[in-house]
Amino acid sequence: MIAGALGTLAPPQLVRERAFEEVRDAIIAGRIAPGARLIERELCAALGISRASVREMIRRLEAERLVSVEPRKGPTVMALTRKDAAEIYEVRALLEALLIERFTEVAGGDEIAHLERIFAQVRIAAANDAVSEIVALMLRFNDHLLDVVRHDVARDLLRQLNARINFLRIRAMAKPGRIAASLEEIGAILDAVRGRDAARAGALMKASVERARDAALEQLAAQEPEPPSRKRRGSAGPRRPPQQDRRGDPA
């Protein structure tokens, strides 16, 4: 169960921090499925940490909206609905378009070159089908934009959304062809950045995020269980007449 989805932690690093990252990564990657209960004793045994550390970890996961805690049920991995996902992508598109526009306007040559180096690493990770590495590199890509642009409110908002963005990013990349398409889209964005065309860079970023949204929503729809079939009255064909007893009354 939970133990099988998690790796082994080794000292002497801060075990509590590594435990948090391990569980968060397992949730984002889907190794711990939406709806799964996080049971304290299982987490303590799997991660080698105390109950107090597990409770602190649960609070942090709840703050990132990866886990919900309900009375008498305990912590449960949250399931993102398609509505949730669409709203997250809507906000993400606005923020990332803003950041790339501002970056194009203010970045120096060295700062643009650094962004290109991160993207070169993304290409290598994509060639190796290293999805988790792509996710980590795209966080670095956005962090570099934020460092240059110095938009503190955008940083705060993205920090709150990053775990769920990563969850959805992995779902989007599961669609065949999406990674290759994304590489082309980011390449075009960087062309606009080099050309100092801020409006074009922003428009391309927004379009790229919207295509990622479509891919993620498609994957989420495919993973949702089918609702139980419900027959409407009159849809099952003509009703058979009631059986009668010997007196002719309905049985």
Protein backbone atom coordinates (compact mmCIF):
# COMPACT_ATOMS: atom_id res chain seq x y z
CA MET A 1 0.00 0.00 0.00
CA ILE A 2 1.50 3.34 1.09
CA ALA A 3 4.87 1.75 1.90
CA GLY A 4 5.18 0.32 -1.60
CA ALA A 5 4.76 3.76 -3.17
CA LEU A 6 7.58 5.35 -1.18
CA GLY A 7 11.33 5.08 -1.39
CA THR A 8 13.81 4.47 1.42
CA LEU A 9 15.11 7.44 3.36
CA ALA A 10 18.65 7.50 4.69
CA PRO A 11 20.30 9.71 7.33
CA PRO A 12 21.95 12.08 8.05
CA GLN A 13 19.93 14.64 6.05
CA LEU A 14 16.84 16.17 7.59
CA VAL A 15 14.65 13.11 7.48
CA ARG A 16 11.44 15.05 8.13
CA GLU A 17 12.03 17.25 5.08
CA ARG A 18 12.91 14.31 2.88
CA ALA A 19 9.86 12.45 4.14
CA PHE A 20 7.64 15.37 3.18
CA GLU A 21 9.20 15.57 -0.28
CA GLU A 22 8.90 11.82 -0.78
CA VAL A 23 5.19 11.74 0.06
CA ARG A 24 4.45 14.91 -1.91
CA ASP A 25 6.27 13.54 -4.97
CA ALA A 26 4.42 10.23 -4.66
CA ILE A 27 1.08 12.05 -4.62
CA ILE A 28 2.00 14.32 -7.54
CA ALA A 29 3.26 11.37 -9.61
CA GLY A 30 0.15 9.33 -8.80
CA ARG A 31 1.96 6.57 -6.92
CA ILE A 32 -0.36 7.41 -4.03
CA ALA A 33 -3.74 7.66 -5.72
CA PRO A 34 -6.41 10.32 -5.16
CA GLY A 35 -8.76 9.18 -2.42
CA ALA A 36 -6.10 7.11 -0.62
CA ARG A 37 -6.06 7.45 3.17
CA LEU A 38 -2.77 8.43 4.78
CA ILE A 39 -2.56 6.31 7.91
CA GLU A 40 -0.15 7.54 10.58
CA ARG A 41 1.27 4.19 11.61
CA GLU A 42 1.91 3.19 7.98
CA LEU A 43 3.72 6.45 7.27
CA CYS A 44 5.77 6.16 10.46
CA ALA A 45 6.84 2.64 9.53
CA ALA A 46 7.51 3.42 5.85
CA LEU A 47 9.45 6.63 6.43
CA GLY A 48 11.06 5.99 9.82
CA ILE A 49 9.72 9.17 11.39
CA SER A 50 7.71 9.96 14.50
CA ARG A 51 3.97 10.57 14.70
CA ALA A 52 4.69 14.24 15.43
CA SER A 53 6.69 14.47 12.20
CA VAL A 54 3.90 12.73 10.27
CA ARG A 55 1.35 15.21 11.61
CA GLU A 56 3.55 18.14 10.63
CA MET A 57 3.94 16.63 7.15
CA ILE A 58 0.16 16.22 6.82
CA ARG A 59 -0.35 19.88 7.74
CA ARG A 60 2.07 20.94 5.01
CA LEU A 61 0.41 18.69 2.43
CA GLU A 62 -2.97 20.10 3.46
CA ALA A 63 -1.62 23.65 2.99
CA GLU A 64 -0.62 22.71 -0.58
CA ARG A 65 -4.12 21.33 -1.14
CA LEU A 66 -2.80 17.84 -1.85
CA VAL A 67 -4.47 16.34 1.22
CA SER A 68 -7.77 16.98 2.97
CA VAL A 69 -8.40 16.17 6.63
CA GLU A 70 -11.93 15.32 7.67
CA PRO A 71 -13.24 14.46 11.17
CA ARG A 72 -13.34 10.73 11.89
CA LYS A 73 -11.86 10.00 8.46
CA GLY A 74 -8.36 11.36 8.76
CA PRO A 75 -6.10 12.66 5.98
CA THR A 76 -7.02 11.67 2.45
CA VAL A 77 -5.29 12.46 -0.84
CA MET A 78 -7.40 15.03 -2.65
CA ALA A 79 -8.80 14.38 -6.11
CA LEU A 80 -8.64 17.31 -8.52
CA THR A 81 -11.83 17.73 -10.50
CA ARG A 82 -11.81 18.97 -14.08
CA LYS A 83 -13.32 22.22 -12.80
CA ASP A 84 -10.42 22.61 -10.33
CA ALA A 85 -7.93 21.88 -13.09
CA ALA A 86 -9.49 24.35 -15.53
CA GLU A 87 -9.40 27.12 -12.92
CA ILE A 88 -5.77 26.39 -12.01
CA TYR A 89 -4.77 26.54 -15.67
CA GLU A 90 -6.70 29.78 -16.11
CA VAL A 91 -4.71 31.44 -13.32
CA ARG A 92 -1.46 29.83 -14.44
CA ALA A 93 -1.89 31.12 -18.01
CA LEU A 94 -2.35 34.69 -16.77
CA LEU A 95 0.61 34.56 -14.38
CA GLU A 96 3.08 32.88 -16.72
CA ALA A 97 2.13 35.16 -19.64
CA LEU A 98 2.72 38.16 -17.38
CA LEU A 99 6.08 36.82 -16.21
CA ILE A 100 7.45 36.09 -19.67
CA GLU A 101 6.33 39.50 -20.92
CA ARG A 102 8.06 41.29 -18.03
CA PHE A 103 11.14 39.07 -18.40
CA THR A 104 11.38 39.93 -22.11
CA GLU A 105 11.27 43.62 -21.25
CA VAL A 106 13.85 43.66 -18.44
CA ALA A 107 16.16 40.63 -18.76
CA GLY A 108 19.79 41.10 -19.69
CA GLY A 109 21.66 38.94 -22.15
CA ASP A 110 23.14 36.70 -19.44
CA GLU A 111 19.72 36.18 -17.88
CA ILE A 112 18.22 35.15 -21.22
CA ALA A 113 21.18 32.82 -21.80
CA HIS A 114 20.55 31.21 -18.39
CA LEU A 115 16.91 30.59 -19.30
CA GLU A 116 18.04 28.98 -22.55
CA ARG A 117 20.42 26.69 -20.63
CA ILE A 118 17.57 25.51 -18.43
CA PHE A 119 15.51 24.81 -21.54
CA ALA A 120 18.42 22.86 -23.07
CA GLN A 121 18.34 20.62 -19.98
CA VAL A 122 14.57 20.21 -20.45
CA ARG A 123 15.24 18.95 -23.99
CA ILE A 124 17.75 16.40 -22.69
CA ALA A 125 15.32 15.21 -20.00
CA ALA A 126 12.57 14.90 -22.61
CA ALA A 127 14.84 12.83 -24.87
CA ASN A 128 15.38 10.47 -21.91
CA ASP A 129 11.64 10.45 -21.08
CA ALA A 130 12.55 11.70 -17.58
CA VAL A 131 9.18 13.16 -16.61
CA SER A 132 10.04 13.98 -13.00
CA GLU A 133 13.19 15.79 -14.17
CA ILE A 134 11.16 17.81 -16.69
CA VAL A 135 8.82 18.87 -13.89
CA ALA A 136 11.73 19.96 -11.67
CA LEU A 137 13.36 21.88 -14.53
CA MET A 138 10.18 23.72 -15.43
CA LEU A 139 10.00 24.86 -11.80
CA ARG A 140 13.53 26.21 -12.22
CA PHE A 141 12.47 27.88 -15.47
CA ASN A 142 9.66 29.75 -13.68
CA ASP A 143 11.83 30.50 -10.64
CA HIS A 144 14.37 32.18 -12.93
CA LEU A 145 11.62 34.32 -14.46
CA LEU A 146 10.49 35.30 -10.97
CA ASP A 147 14.04 36.08 -9.82
CA VAL A 148 14.57 38.45 -12.75
CA VAL A 149 11.11 40.03 -12.79
CA ARG A 150 10.87 40.31 -8.97
CA HIS A 151 7.09 39.99 -8.88
CA ASP A 152 6.48 38.97 -5.27
CA VAL A 153 2.70 38.49 -5.55
CA ALA A 154 3.10 36.22 -8.58
CA ARG A 155 5.72 34.23 -6.65
CA ASP A 156 3.35 33.78 -3.70
CA LEU A 157 0.47 32.68 -5.92
CA LEU A 158 2.57 30.20 -7.87
CA ARG A 159 4.05 28.83 -4.66
CA GLN A 160 0.53 27.98 -3.50
CA LEU A 161 -0.31 26.37 -6.84
CA ASN A 162 2.96 24.64 -7.72
CA ALA A 163 2.16 21.23 -6.24
CA ARG A 164 -1.14 21.06 -8.11
CA ILE A 165 0.42 22.49 -11.26
CA ASN A 166 3.02 19.70 -11.13
CA PHE A 167 0.29 17.10 -10.63
CA LEU A 168 -1.50 18.40 -13.72
CA ARG A 169 1.71 18.82 -15.71
CA ILE A 170 2.43 15.12 -15.32
CA ARG A 171 -1.11 14.29 -16.48
CA ALA A 172 -0.75 16.56 -19.51
CA MET A 173 2.59 15.00 -20.47
CA ALA A 174 0.95 11.57 -20.43
CA LYS A 175 -0.90 12.48 -23.62
CA PRO A 176 1.03 11.12 -26.61
CA GLY A 177 2.87 13.89 -28.42
CA ARG A 178 2.34 16.51 -25.74
CA ILE A 179 5.99 16.68 -24.61
CA ALA A 180 7.24 17.20 -28.16
CA ALA A 181 4.59 19.85 -28.79
CA SER A 182 5.50 21.62 -25.55
CA LEU A 183 9.17 21.73 -26.54
CA GLU A 184 8.25 23.41 -29.82
CA GLU A 185 6.03 25.90 -28.01
CA ILE A 186 8.71 26.88 -25.49
CA GLY A 187 11.26 27.16 -28.29
CA ALA A 188 8.98 29.67 -30.05
CA ILE A 189 8.54 31.58 -26.79
CA LEU A 190 12.33 31.86 -26.39
CA ASP A 191 12.62 33.09 -29.98
CA ALA A 192 10.20 35.90 -29.07
CA VAL A 193 12.21 36.64 -25.92
CA ARG A 194 15.44 36.91 -27.89
CA GLY A 195 13.68 39.23 -30.34
CA ARG A 196 12.45 41.38 -27.42
CA ASP A 197 8.84 40.92 -28.56
CA ALA A 198 7.15 40.90 -25.15
CA ALA A 199 3.57 40.83 -26.47
CA ARG A 200 4.30 37.83 -28.69
CA ALA A 201 6.12 35.98 -25.92
CA GLY A 202 3.14 36.50 -23.60
CA ALA A 203 0.62 35.40 -26.22
CA LEU A 204 2.64 32.27 -27.04
CA MET A 205 2.99 31.39 -23.35
CA LYS A 206 -0.75 31.76 -22.78
CA ALA A 207 -1.51 29.56 -25.80
CA SER A 208 0.98 26.93 -24.61
CA VAL A 209 -0.59 26.76 -21.15
CA GLU A 210 -4.05 26.46 -22.71
CA ARG A 211 -2.90 23.52 -24.85
CA ALA A 212 -1.45 21.89 -21.73
CA ARG A 213 -4.82 22.46 -20.05
CA ASP A 214 -6.64 20.67 -22.85
CA ALA A 215 -4.27 17.70 -22.60
CA ALA A 216 -4.58 17.49 -18.81
CA LEU A 217 -8.38 17.71 -18.88
CA GLU A 218 -8.48 14.96 -21.49
CA GLN A 219 -6.34 12.72 -19.30
CA LEU A 220 -8.41 13.47 -16.19
CA ALA A 221 -11.60 12.65 -18.07
CA ALA A 222 -10.13 9.32 -19.20
CA GLN A 223 -9.19 8.44 -15.62
CA GLU A 224 -12.57 9.25 -14.08
CA PRO A 225 -14.72 6.20 -13.31
CA GLU A 226 -17.86 5.91 -15.36
CA PRO A 227 -21.00 6.84 -13.41
CA PRO A 228 -23.35 3.95 -12.67
CA SER A 229 -25.98 3.54 -15.34
CA ARG A 230 -29.46 4.67 -14.37
CA LYS A 231 -32.44 3.50 -16.34
CA ARG A 232 -35.16 6.01 -16.75
CA ARG A 233 -38.73 4.99 -16.27
CA GLY A 234 -40.20 3.70 -19.48
CA SER A 235 -36.75 3.10 -21.04
CA ALA A 236 -36.67 -0.62 -20.30
CA GLY A 237 -39.42 -1.50 -22.80
CA PRO A 238 -43.02 -2.46 -22.16
CA ARG A 239 -43.79 -3.60 -18.65
CA ARG A 240 -45.03 -7.12 -18.16
CA PRO A 241 -48.56 -7.37 -16.79
CA PRO A 242 -48.73 -8.32 -13.11
CA GLN A 243 -49.23 -11.96 -12.33
CA GLN A 244 -52.61 -12.89 -10.97
CA ASP A 245 -53.61 -15.37 -8.31
CA ARG A 246 -56.44 -17.82 -8.74
CA ARG A 247 -59.03 -15.19 -7.79
CA GLY A 248 -57.87 -12.87 -10.56
CA ASP A 249 -56.43 -10.27 -8.16
CA PRO A 250 -52.89 -8.92 -8.68
CA ALA A 251 -50.41 -11.10 -6.79
